[in-house]
PDB file of N, CA and C in Angstrom:
ATOM      1  N   UNK A   1      46.449  55.972 130.518  1.00  0.00           N
ATOM      2  CA  UNK A   1      45.443  55.841 131.534  1.00  0.00           C
ATOM      3  C   UNK A   1      45.029  57.234 131.994  1.00  0.00           C
ATOM      4  N   UNK A   2      43.740  57.473 132.012  1.00  0.00           N
ATOM      5  CA  UNK A   2      43.269  58.796 132.418  1.00  0.00           C
ATOM      6  C   UNK A   2      42.879  58.780 133.893  1.00  0.00           C
ATOM      7  N   UNK A   3      42.981  59.933 134.485  1.00  0.00           N
ATOM      8  CA  UNK A   3      42.612  60.057 135.892  1.00  0.00           C
ATOM      9  C   UNK A   3      41.097  60.083 136.010  1.00  0.00           C
ATOM     10  N   UNK A   4      40.569  59.393 137.000  1.00  0.00           N
ATOM     11  CA  UNK A   4      39.123  59.418 137.202  1.00  0.00           C
ATOM     12  C   UNK A   4      38.748  60.660 138.005  1.00  0.00           C
ATOM     13  N   UNK A   5      37.586  61.230 137.688  1.00  0.00           N
ATOM     14  CA  UNK A   5      37.178  62.447 138.410  1.00  0.00           C
ATOM     15  C   UNK A   5      36.929  62.132 139.879  1.00  0.00           C
ATOM     16  N   UNK A   6      37.263  63.066 140.717  1.00  0.00           N
ATOM     17  CA  UNK A   6      37.052  62.886 142.152  1.00  0.00           C
ATOM     18  C   UNK A   6      35.789  63.613 142.585  1.00  0.00           C
ATOM     19  N   UNK A   7      35.177  63.078 143.577  1.00  0.00           N
ATOM     20  CA  UNK A   7      34.009  63.743 144.160  1.00  0.00           C
ATOM     21  C   UNK A   7      34.478  64.943 144.958  1.00  0.00           C
ATOM     22  N   UNK A   8      33.691  65.995 144.950  1.00  0.00           N
ATOM     23  CA  UNK A   8      34.080  67.142 145.771  1.00  0.00           C
ATOM     24  C   UNK A   8      34.080  66.756 147.245  1.00  0.00           C
ATOM     25  N   UNK A   9      35.014  67.307 147.990  1.00  0.00           N
ATOM     26  CA  UNK A   9      35.097  67.009 149.421  1.00  0.00           C
ATOM     27  C   UNK A   9      33.867  67.560 150.128  1.00  0.00           C
ATOM     28  N   UNK A  10      33.347  66.798 151.040  1.00  0.00           N
ATOM     29  CA  UNK A  10      32.179  67.233 151.803  1.00  0.00           C
ATOM     30  C   UNK A  10      32.634  67.694 153.180  1.00  0.00           C
ATOM     31  N   UNK A  11      32.056  68.786 153.609  1.00  0.00           N
ATOM     32  CA  UNK A  11      32.398  69.271 154.937  1.00  0.00           C
ATOM     33  C   UNK A  11      31.579  68.555 156.010  1.00  0.00           C
ATOM     34  N   UNK A  12      30.405  68.052 155.643  1.00  0.00           N
ATOM     35  CA  UNK A  12      29.564  67.333 156.589  1.00  0.00           C
ATOM     36  C   UNK A  12      29.417  65.888 156.135  1.00  0.00           C
ATOM     37  N   UNK A  13      29.413  64.956 157.085  1.00  0.00           N
ATOM     38  CA  UNK A  13      29.205  63.556 156.693  1.00  0.00           C
ATOM     39  C   UNK A  13      27.772  63.339 156.205  1.00  0.00           C
ATOM     40  N   UNK A  14      27.593  62.340 155.379  1.00  0.00           N
ATOM     41  CA  UNK A  14      26.247  61.997 154.899  1.00  0.00           C
ATOM     42  C   UNK A  14      25.387  61.549 156.075  1.00  0.00           C
ATOM     43  N   UNK A  15      24.095  61.862 156.038  1.00  0.00           N
ATOM     44  CA  UNK A  15      23.227  61.411 157.132  1.00  0.00           C
ATOM     45  C   UNK A  15      23.124  59.889 157.139  1.00  0.00           C
ATOM     46  N   UNK A  16      23.051  59.326 158.315  1.00  0.00           N
ATOM     47  CA  UNK A  16      22.890  57.878 158.450  1.00  0.00           C
ATOM     48  C   UNK A  16      21.405  57.592 158.615  1.00  0.00           C
ATOM     49  N   UNK A  17      20.890  56.783 157.711  1.00  0.00           N
ATOM     50  CA  UNK A  17      19.452  56.532 157.652  1.00  0.00           C
ATOM     51  C   UNK A  17      19.189  55.044 157.852  1.00  0.00           C
ATOM     52  N   UNK A  18      18.249  54.726 158.740  1.00  0.00           N
ATOM     53  CA  UNK A  18      17.817  53.348 158.939  1.00  0.00           C
ATOM     54  C   UNK A  18      16.506  53.117 158.211  1.00  0.00           C
ATOM     55  N   UNK A  19      16.279  51.874 157.802  1.00  0.00           N
ATOM     56  CA  UNK A  19      15.046  51.531 157.093  1.00  0.00           C
ATOM     57  C   UNK A  19      14.378  50.362 157.813  1.00  0.00           C
ATOM     58  N   UNK A  20      13.097  50.510 158.109  1.00  0.00           N
ATOM     59  CA  UNK A  20      12.306  49.437 158.709  1.00  0.00           C
ATOM     60  C   UNK A  20      11.284  49.001 157.670  1.00  0.00           C
ATOM     61  N   UNK A  21      11.325  47.726 157.294  1.00  0.00           N
ATOM     62  CA  UNK A  21      10.349  47.185 156.346  1.00  0.00           C
ATOM     63  C   UNK A  21       9.136  46.707 157.142  1.00  0.00           C
ATOM     64  N   UNK A  22       8.038  47.411 157.007  1.00  0.00           N
ATOM     65  CA  UNK A  22       6.854  47.151 157.829  1.00  0.00           C
ATOM     66  C   UNK A  22       5.617  46.971 156.965  1.00  0.00           C
ATOM     67  N   UNK A  23       5.722  46.188 155.915  1.00  0.00           N
ATOM     68  CA  UNK A  23       4.625  46.083 154.959  1.00  0.00           C
ATOM     69  C   UNK A  23       3.894  44.749 155.003  1.00  0.00           C
ATOM     70  N   UNK A  24       4.341  43.816 155.838  1.00  0.00           N
ATOM     71  CA  UNK A  24       3.759  42.479 155.838  1.00  0.00           C
ATOM     72  C   UNK A  24       2.450  42.369 156.600  1.00  0.00           C
ATOM     73  N   UNK A  25       1.820  41.214 156.448  1.00  0.00           N
ATOM     74  CA  UNK A  25       0.527  40.965 157.085  1.00  0.00           C
ATOM     75  C   UNK A  25       0.643  40.170 158.380  1.00  0.00           C
ATOM     76  N   UNK A  26       1.801  39.686 158.735  1.00  0.00           N
ATOM     77  CA  UNK A  26       2.020  38.937 159.980  1.00  0.00           C
ATOM     78  C   UNK A  26       1.141  37.693 160.065  1.00  0.00           C
ATOM     79  N   UNK A  27       0.987  36.993 158.973  1.00  0.00           N
ATOM     80  CA  UNK A  27       0.100  35.829 158.953  1.00  0.00           C
ATOM     81  C   UNK A  27       0.606  34.690 159.833  1.00  0.00           C
ATOM     82  N   UNK A  28       1.905  34.579 160.037  1.00  0.00           N
ATOM     83  CA  UNK A  28       2.435  33.483 160.853  1.00  0.00           C
ATOM     84  C   UNK A  28       2.109  33.648 162.333  1.00  0.00           C
ATOM     85  N   UNK A  29       1.744  34.845 162.744  1.00  0.00           N
ATOM     86  CA  UNK A  29       1.400  35.060 164.152  1.00  0.00           C
ATOM     87  C   UNK A  29      -0.067  34.752 164.446  1.00  0.00           C
ATOM     88  N   UNK A  30      -0.836  34.496 163.405  1.00  0.00           N
ATOM     89  CA  UNK A  30      -2.222  34.049 163.559  1.00  0.00           C
ATOM     90  C   UNK A  30      -3.053  34.856 164.527  1.00  0.00           C
ATOM     91  N   UNK A  31      -3.563  34.177 165.561  1.00  0.00           N
ATOM     92  CA  UNK A  31      -4.482  34.801 166.510  1.00  0.00           C
ATOM     93  C   UNK A  31      -3.835  35.901 167.343  1.00  0.00           C
ATOM     94  N   UNK A  32      -2.534  35.869 167.488  1.00  0.00           N
ATOM     95  CA  UNK A  32      -1.854  36.879 168.306  1.00  0.00           C
ATOM     96  C   UNK A  32      -2.105  38.279 167.752  1.00  0.00           C
ATOM     97  N   UNK A  33      -2.079  38.403 166.431  1.00  0.00           N
ATOM     98  CA  UNK A  33      -2.265  39.722 165.813  1.00  0.00           C
ATOM     99  C   UNK A  33      -3.715  40.011 165.471  1.00  0.00           C
ATOM    100  N   UNK A  34      -4.555  38.989 165.492  1.00  0.00           N
ATOM    101  CA  UNK A  34      -5.972  39.143 165.156  1.00  0.00           C
ATOM    102  C   UNK A  34      -6.156  39.821 163.798  1.00  0.00           C
ATOM    103  N   UNK A  35      -5.270  39.507 162.847  1.00  0.00           N
ATOM    104  CA  UNK A  35      -5.380  40.047 161.496  1.00  0.00           C
ATOM    105  C   UNK A  35      -4.771  41.417 161.300  1.00  0.00           C
ATOM    106  N   UNK A  36      -4.134  41.968 162.322  1.00  0.00           N
ATOM    107  CA  UNK A  36      -3.522  43.294 162.224  1.00  0.00           C
ATOM    108  C   UNK A  36      -2.008  43.169 162.078  1.00  0.00           C
ATOM    109  N   UNK A  37      -1.364  44.251 161.753  1.00  0.00           N
ATOM    110  CA  UNK A  37       0.088  44.270 161.613  1.00  0.00           C
ATOM    111  C   UNK A  37       0.745  43.950 162.950  1.00  0.00           C
ATOM    112  N   UNK A  38       1.757  43.085 162.935  1.00  0.00           N
ATOM    113  CA  UNK A  38       2.447  42.745 164.185  1.00  0.00           C
ATOM    114  C   UNK A  38       3.147  43.958 164.786  1.00  0.00           C
ATOM    115  N   UNK A  39       3.467  44.936 163.971  1.00  0.00           N
ATOM    116  CA  UNK A  39       4.146  46.119 164.486  1.00  0.00           C
ATOM    117  C   UNK A  39       3.242  46.978 165.357  1.00  0.00           C
ATOM    118  N   UNK A  40       1.938  46.691 165.348  1.00  0.00           N
ATOM    119  CA  UNK A  40       1.009  47.421 166.202  1.00  0.00           C
ATOM    120  C   UNK A  40       0.793  46.729 167.547  1.00  0.00           C
ATOM    121  N   UNK A  41       1.401  45.549 167.727  1.00  0.00           N
ATOM    122  CA  UNK A  41       1.317  44.867 169.021  1.00  0.00           C
ATOM    123  C   UNK A  41       2.066  45.677 170.065  1.00  0.00           C
ATOM    124  N   UNK A  42       1.513  45.725 171.273  1.00  0.00           N
ATOM    125  CA  UNK A  42       2.154  46.472 172.363  1.00  0.00           C
ATOM    126  C   UNK A  42       2.945  45.513 173.249  1.00  0.00           C
ATOM    127  N   UNK A  43       4.144  45.930 173.570  1.00  0.00           N
ATOM    128  CA  UNK A  43       5.011  45.203 174.490  1.00  0.00           C
ATOM    129  C   UNK A  43       5.551  46.237 175.468  1.00  0.00           C
ATOM    130  N   UNK A  44       5.240  46.076 176.741  1.00  0.00           N
ATOM    131  CA  UNK A  44       5.714  47.035 177.731  1.00  0.00           C
ATOM    132  C   UNK A  44       5.234  48.448 177.487  1.00  0.00           C
ATOM    133  N   UNK A  45       4.015  48.589 176.948  1.00  0.00           N
ATOM    134  CA  UNK A  45       3.437  49.912 176.753  1.00  0.00           C
ATOM    135  C   UNK A  45       3.760  50.583 175.431  1.00  0.00           C
ATOM    136  N   UNK A  46       4.650  50.002 174.630  1.00  0.00           N
ATOM    137  CA  UNK A  46       5.006  50.582 173.330  1.00  0.00           C
ATOM    138  C   UNK A  46       4.681  49.593 172.223  1.00  0.00           C
ATOM    139  N   UNK A  47       4.293  50.118 171.053  1.00  0.00           N
ATOM    140  CA  UNK A  47       4.113  49.224 169.912  1.00  0.00           C
ATOM    141  C   UNK A  47       5.487  48.771 169.428  1.00  0.00           C
ATOM    142  N   UNK A  48       5.513  47.661 168.713  1.00  0.00           N
ATOM    143  CA  UNK A  48       6.790  47.159 168.196  1.00  0.00           C
ATOM    144  C   UNK A  48       7.441  48.151 167.243  1.00  0.00           C
ATOM    145  N   UNK A  49       6.631  48.880 166.466  1.00  0.00           N
ATOM    146  CA  UNK A  49       7.216  49.863 165.551  1.00  0.00           C
ATOM    147  C   UNK A  49       7.821  51.028 166.331  1.00  0.00           C
ATOM    148  N   UNK A  50       7.168  51.450 167.413  1.00  0.00           N
ATOM    149  CA  UNK A  50       7.747  52.512 168.253  1.00  0.00           C
ATOM    150  C   UNK A  50       9.092  52.070 168.809  1.00  0.00           C
ATOM    151  N   UNK A  51       9.149  50.845 169.294  1.00  0.00           N
ATOM    152  CA  UNK A  51      10.399  50.313 169.849  1.00  0.00           C
ATOM    153  C   UNK A  51      11.499  50.285 168.794  1.00  0.00           C
ATOM    154  N   UNK A  52      11.155  49.815 167.597  1.00  0.00           N
ATOM    155  CA  UNK A  52      12.154  49.720 166.528  1.00  0.00           C
ATOM    156  C   UNK A  52      12.706  51.096 166.169  1.00  0.00           C
ATOM    157  N   UNK A  53      11.821  52.065 165.986  1.00  0.00           N
ATOM    158  CA  UNK A  53      12.257  53.415 165.608  1.00  0.00           C
ATOM    159  C   UNK A  53      13.093  54.041 166.723  1.00  0.00           C
ATOM    160  N   UNK A  54      12.638  53.920 167.965  1.00  0.00           N
ATOM    161  CA  UNK A  54      13.393  54.490 169.090  1.00  0.00           C
ATOM    162  C   UNK A  54      14.784  53.874 169.207  1.00  0.00           C
ATOM    163  N   UNK A  55      14.863  52.553 169.056  1.00  0.00           N
ATOM    164  CA  UNK A  55      16.163  51.883 169.170  1.00  0.00           C
ATOM    165  C   UNK A  55      17.110  52.310 168.053  1.00  0.00           C
ATOM    166  N   UNK A  56      16.598  52.433 166.847  1.00  0.00           N
ATOM    167  CA  UNK A  56      17.442  52.859 165.734  1.00  0.00           C
ATOM    168  C   UNK A  56      17.943  54.285 165.932  1.00  0.00           C
ATOM    169  N   UNK A  57      17.075  55.172 166.366  1.00  0.00           N
ATOM    170  CA  UNK A  57      17.500  56.555 166.609  1.00  0.00           C
ATOM    171  C   UNK A  57      18.490  56.626 167.769  1.00  0.00           C
ATOM    172  N   UNK A  58      18.263  55.823 168.804  1.00  0.00           N
ATOM    173  CA  UNK A  58      19.173  55.804 169.953  1.00  0.00           C
ATOM    174  C   UNK A  58      20.542  55.249 169.579  1.00  0.00           C
ATOM    175  N   UNK A  59      20.599  54.455 168.506  1.00  0.00           N
ATOM    176  CA  UNK A  59      21.883  53.887 168.078  1.00  0.00           C
ATOM    177  C   UNK A  59      22.739  54.899 167.327  1.00  0.00           C
ATOM    178  N   UNK A  60      22.192  56.086 167.085  1.00  0.00           N
ATOM    179  CA  UNK A  60      22.975  57.130 166.442  1.00  0.00           C
ATOM    180  C   UNK A  60      22.577  57.464 165.020  1.00  0.00           C
ATOM    181  N   UNK A  61      21.529  56.827 164.518  1.00  0.00           N
ATOM    182  CA  UNK A  61      21.070  57.164 163.169  1.00  0.00           C
ATOM    183  C   UNK A  61      20.470  58.563 163.171  1.00  0.00           C
ATOM    184  N   UNK A  62      20.562  59.228 162.042  1.00  0.00           N
ATOM    185  CA  UNK A  62      20.012  60.572 161.910  1.00  0.00           C
ATOM    186  C   UNK A  62      18.524  60.557 161.583  1.00  0.00           C
ATOM    187  N   UNK A  63      18.096  59.484 160.916  1.00  0.00           N
ATOM    188  CA  UNK A  63      16.713  59.423 160.444  1.00  0.00           C
ATOM    189  C   UNK A  63      16.333  57.968 160.263  1.00  0.00           C
ATOM    190  N   UNK A  64      15.049  57.672 160.405  1.00  0.00           N
ATOM    191  CA  UNK A  64      14.532  56.326 160.175  1.00  0.00           C
ATOM    192  C   UNK A  64      13.378  56.428 159.187  1.00  0.00           C
ATOM    193  N   UNK A  65      13.423  55.607 158.154  1.00  0.00           N
ATOM    194  CA  UNK A  65      12.354  55.532 157.157  1.00  0.00           C
ATOM    195  C   UNK A  65      11.599  54.231 157.396  1.00  0.00           C
ATOM    196  N   UNK A  66      10.284  54.313 157.509  1.00  0.00           N
ATOM    197  CA  UNK A  66       9.453  53.127 157.695  1.00  0.00           C
ATOM    198  C   UNK A  66       8.698  52.880 156.401  1.00  0.00           C
ATOM    199  N   UNK A  67       8.949  51.733 155.777  1.00  0.00           N
ATOM    200  CA  UNK A  67       8.267  51.348 154.536  1.00  0.00           C
ATOM    201  C   UNK A  67       7.015  50.580 154.939  1.00  0.00           C
ATOM    202  N   UNK A  68       5.854  51.131 154.611  1.00  0.00           N
ATOM    203  CA  UNK A  68       4.599  50.519 155.035  1.00  0.00           C
ATOM    204  C   UNK A  68       3.833  49.954 153.850  1.00  0.00           C
ATOM    205  N   UNK A  69       2.914  49.074 154.147  1.00  0.00           N
ATOM    206  CA  UNK A  69       2.041  48.474 153.144  1.00  0.00           C
ATOM    207  C   UNK A  69       0.727  48.173 153.826  1.00  0.00           C
ATOM    208  N   UNK A  70       0.592  46.937 154.315  1.00  0.00           N
ATOM    209  CA  UNK A  70      -0.612  46.509 155.023  1.00  0.00           C
ATOM    210  C   UNK A  70      -0.811  47.377 156.262  1.00  0.00           C
ATOM    211  N   UNK A  71      -1.988  47.961 156.397  1.00  0.00           N
ATOM    212  CA  UNK A  71      -2.326  48.863 157.510  1.00  0.00           C
ATOM    213  C   UNK A  71      -1.321  50.006 157.637  1.00  0.00           C
ATOM    214  N   UNK A  72      -0.903  50.510 156.487  1.00  0.00           N
ATOM    215  CA  UNK A  72       0.137  51.533 156.436  1.00  0.00           C
ATOM    216  C   UNK A  72      -0.143  52.775 157.247  1.00  0.00           C
ATOM    217  N   UNK A  73      -1.371  53.267 157.203  1.00  0.00           N
ATOM    218  CA  UNK A  73      -1.687  54.491 157.952  1.00  0.00           C
ATOM    219  C   UNK A  73      -1.567  54.271 159.449  1.00  0.00           C
ATOM    220  N   UNK A  74      -2.039  53.136 159.935  1.00  0.00           N
ATOM    221  CA  UNK A  74      -1.968  52.846 161.370  1.00  0.00           C
ATOM    222  C   UNK A  74      -0.524  52.643 161.814  1.00  0.00           C
ATOM    223  N   UNK A  75       0.264  51.944 160.999  1.00  0.00           N
ATOM    224  CA  UNK A  75       1.675  51.716 161.336  1.00  0.00           C
ATOM    225  C   UNK A  75       2.429  53.039 161.328  1.00  0.00           C
ATOM    226  N   UNK A  76       2.195  53.867 160.317  1.00  0.00           N
ATOM    227  CA  UNK A  76       2.876  55.164 160.237  1.00  0.00           C
ATOM    228  C   UNK A  76       2.503  56.050 161.421  1.00  0.00           C
ATOM    229  N   UNK A  77       1.247  56.030 161.823  1.00  0.00           N
ATOM    230  CA  UNK A  77       0.818  56.841 162.967  1.00  0.00           C
ATOM    231  C   UNK A  77       1.471  56.365 164.256  1.00  0.00           C
ATOM    232  N   UNK A  78       1.669  55.061 164.388  1.00  0.00           N
ATOM    233  CA  UNK A  78       2.283  54.506 165.598  1.00  0.00           C
ATOM    234  C   UNK A  78       3.780  54.734 165.634  1.00  0.00           C
ATOM    235  N   UNK A  79       4.386  54.910 164.461  1.00  0.00           N
ATOM    236  CA  UNK A  79       5.842  55.102 164.404  1.00  0.00           C
ATOM    237  C   UNK A  79       6.192  56.456 164.949  1.00  0.00           C
TER     238      UNK A  79
END
């Protein structure tokens, strides 16, 4: 039996990254979204995407990646 190679020891922990899937059309919300991404809806002065990103970062993540599709530029700008 041969020894398996070991990974070099890291002095710093790997960054913790959160992922938000924000590519849908929100069709089930119908008139509430008026055909726009649900993540652009405002609740208490913030868009849903802003809230999601802030909460993930506040939980201790180092970075948040937002995967966009439908209305991607608007969602990315709001994030």
